[in-house]
């Protein structure tokens, strides 16, 4: 019973994990970009 109900949850977890990884990478890239812009502005 547990194994049958665990499969869809596992698939859902994998999809959520991939979405979370993509989200975190995107946020990290945006944060790095903002930090670079802030450094450039502070030099001016």
C-alpha atoms as a PDB file:
ATOM      1  CA  UNK A   1       0.000   0.000   0.000  1.00  0.00           C
ATOM      2  CA  UNK A   2       2.794   2.399   0.914  1.00  0.00           C
ATOM      3  CA  UNK A   3       4.818   1.578  -2.198  1.00  0.00           C
ATOM      4  CA  UNK A   4       1.861   2.250  -4.529  1.00  0.00           C
ATOM      5  CA  UNK A   5       1.164   5.673  -3.017  1.00  0.00           C
ATOM      6  CA  UNK A   6       4.882   6.559  -2.798  1.00  0.00           C
ATOM      7  CA  UNK A   7       5.522   6.439  -6.556  1.00  0.00           C
ATOM      8  CA  UNK A   8       3.442   9.511  -7.561  1.00  0.00           C
ATOM      9  CA  UNK A   9       4.819  11.415  -4.570  1.00  0.00           C
ATOM     10  CA  UNK A  10       8.362  10.539  -5.655  1.00  0.00           C
ATOM     11  CA  UNK A  11       7.677  11.745  -9.206  1.00  0.00           C
ATOM     12  CA  UNK A  12       6.116  14.953  -7.882  1.00  0.00           C
ATOM     13  CA  UNK A  13       9.101  15.466  -5.562  1.00  0.00           C
ATOM     14  CA  UNK A  14      11.523  15.065  -8.491  1.00  0.00           C
ATOM     15  CA  UNK A  15       9.598  17.654 -10.553  1.00  0.00           C
ATOM     16  CA  UNK A  16       9.498  20.056  -7.606  1.00  0.00           C
ATOM     17  CA  UNK A  17      13.215  19.500  -6.960  1.00  0.00           C
ATOM     18  CA  UNK A  18      14.110  20.309 -10.581  1.00  0.00           C
ATOM     19  CA  UNK A  19      11.904  23.422 -10.444  1.00  0.00           C
ATOM     20  CA  UNK A  20      13.508  24.424  -7.123  1.00  0.00           C
ATOM     21  CA  UNK A  21      17.020  23.945  -8.551  1.00  0.00           C
ATOM     22  CA  UNK A  22      16.165  26.070 -11.603  1.00  0.00           C
ATOM     23  CA  UNK A  23      14.627  28.733  -9.334  1.00  0.00           C
ATOM     24  CA  UNK A  24      17.637  28.835  -7.008  1.00  0.00           C
ATOM     25  CA  UNK A  25      20.076  29.041  -9.951  1.00  0.00           C
ATOM     26  CA  UNK A  26      18.039  31.875 -11.498  1.00  0.00           C
ATOM     27  CA  UNK A  27      17.895  33.767  -8.196  1.00  0.00           C
ATOM     28  CA  UNK A  28      21.641  33.279  -7.679  1.00  0.00           C
ATOM     29  CA  UNK A  29      22.318  34.645 -11.181  1.00  0.00           C
ATOM     30  CA  UNK A  30      20.064  37.669 -10.556  1.00  0.00           C
ATOM     31  CA  UNK A  31      21.702  38.276  -7.160  1.00  0.00           C
ATOM     32  CA  UNK A  32      25.199  38.078  -8.725  1.00  0.00           C
ATOM     33  CA  UNK A  33      24.130  40.501 -11.467  1.00  0.00           C
ATOM     34  CA  UNK A  34      22.740  42.967  -8.910  1.00  0.00           C
ATOM     35  CA  UNK A  35      25.943  42.668  -6.857  1.00  0.00           C
ATOM     36  CA  UNK A  36      28.065  43.371  -9.946  1.00  0.00           C
ATOM     37  CA  UNK A  37      25.932  46.420 -10.829  1.00  0.00           C
ATOM     38  CA  UNK A  38      26.186  47.650  -7.217  1.00  0.00           C
ATOM     39  CA  UNK A  39      29.992  47.304  -7.342  1.00  0.00           C
ATOM     40  CA  UNK A  40      30.127  49.202 -10.655  1.00  0.00           C
ATOM     41  CA  UNK A  41      27.881  51.976  -9.304  1.00  0.00           C
ATOM     42  CA  UNK A  42      29.890  52.312  -6.082  1.00  0.00           C
ATOM     43  CA  UNK A  43      33.066  52.856  -8.142  1.00  0.00           C
ATOM     44  CA  UNK A  44      31.398  55.779  -9.907  1.00  0.00           C
END
